[in-house]
């Protein structure tokens, strides 16, 4: 898998833009994608106990909220 844009600040810029311009209070992340969860935690989101199967897959997604 190609990670050309990883660690270039693109994701951080996008999530900060969304937080500043839209009422973003939660998101869903694939539970086993620990790197993504840590990324969202660095941007003010916290995992909750709310999780469910992602439709059409065997993967769980977890709800993350920001306060």
Protein backbone atom coordinates (compact mmCIF):
# COMPACT_ATOMS: atom_id res chain seq x y z
CA UNK A 1 0.00 0.00 0.00
CA UNK A 2 1.30 3.46 -0.90
CA UNK A 3 1.47 5.97 1.99
CA UNK A 4 2.85 8.92 0.01
CA UNK A 5 0.87 11.56 1.93
CA UNK A 6 1.24 9.97 5.36
CA UNK A 7 3.03 12.20 7.91
CA UNK A 8 2.82 15.22 5.59
CA UNK A 9 0.19 17.07 7.65
CA UNK A 10 -2.60 16.68 5.10
CA UNK A 11 -4.91 14.72 7.42
CA UNK A 12 -4.26 17.09 10.31
CA UNK A 13 -5.06 20.10 8.16
CA UNK A 14 -8.28 18.49 6.92
CA UNK A 15 -9.55 17.46 10.34
CA UNK A 16 -8.71 20.85 11.86
CA UNK A 17 -10.52 22.58 8.99
CA UNK A 18 -13.58 20.37 9.57
CA UNK A 19 -13.56 21.05 13.33
CA UNK A 20 -13.30 24.82 12.76
CA UNK A 21 -15.96 25.05 10.04
CA UNK A 22 -18.50 22.33 10.84
CA UNK A 23 -20.19 21.08 14.03
CA UNK A 24 -18.05 17.93 14.19
CA UNK A 25 -18.74 16.21 17.51
CA UNK A 26 -18.16 12.55 16.63
CA UNK A 27 -16.82 10.16 14.03
CA UNK A 28 -16.54 6.43 13.49
CA UNK A 29 -13.21 4.61 13.09
CA UNK A 30 -12.35 1.00 12.35
CA UNK A 31 -11.56 -0.45 15.77
CA UNK A 32 -8.46 -2.38 14.72
CA UNK A 33 -6.93 0.67 12.98
CA UNK A 34 -4.96 1.77 16.03
CA UNK A 35 -2.96 4.36 14.09
CA UNK A 36 -6.14 6.12 12.98
CA UNK A 37 -7.56 6.05 16.50
CA UNK A 38 -4.36 7.62 17.89
CA UNK A 39 -4.51 10.25 15.14
CA UNK A 40 -8.08 11.19 16.09
CA UNK A 41 -7.16 11.21 19.79
CA UNK A 42 -4.39 13.73 19.04
CA UNK A 43 -7.09 15.91 17.50
CA UNK A 44 -9.39 15.87 20.53
CA UNK A 45 -11.54 12.78 19.97
CA UNK A 46 -11.98 10.05 22.60
CA UNK A 47 -13.12 6.49 22.07
CA UNK A 48 -16.47 5.50 23.51
CA UNK A 49 -17.92 2.12 24.38
CA UNK A 50 -20.27 2.45 21.41
CA UNK A 51 -19.25 0.11 18.58
CA UNK A 52 -20.96 -1.83 15.83
CA UNK A 53 -20.21 -3.99 12.83
CA UNK A 54 -19.38 -2.00 9.73
CA UNK A 55 -22.09 -2.75 7.20
CA UNK A 56 -21.09 -5.44 4.72
CA UNK A 57 -17.89 -6.39 6.58
CA UNK A 58 -16.71 -8.36 9.60
CA UNK A 59 -14.96 -5.28 11.02
CA UNK A 60 -16.10 -3.35 14.07
CA UNK A 61 -16.20 0.42 14.06
CA UNK A 62 -16.00 2.45 17.24
CA UNK A 63 -17.61 5.82 17.87
CA UNK A 64 -15.22 8.59 18.85
CA UNK A 65 -16.46 11.86 20.35
CA UNK A 66 -14.98 15.25 21.10
CA UNK A 67 -16.16 17.51 23.88
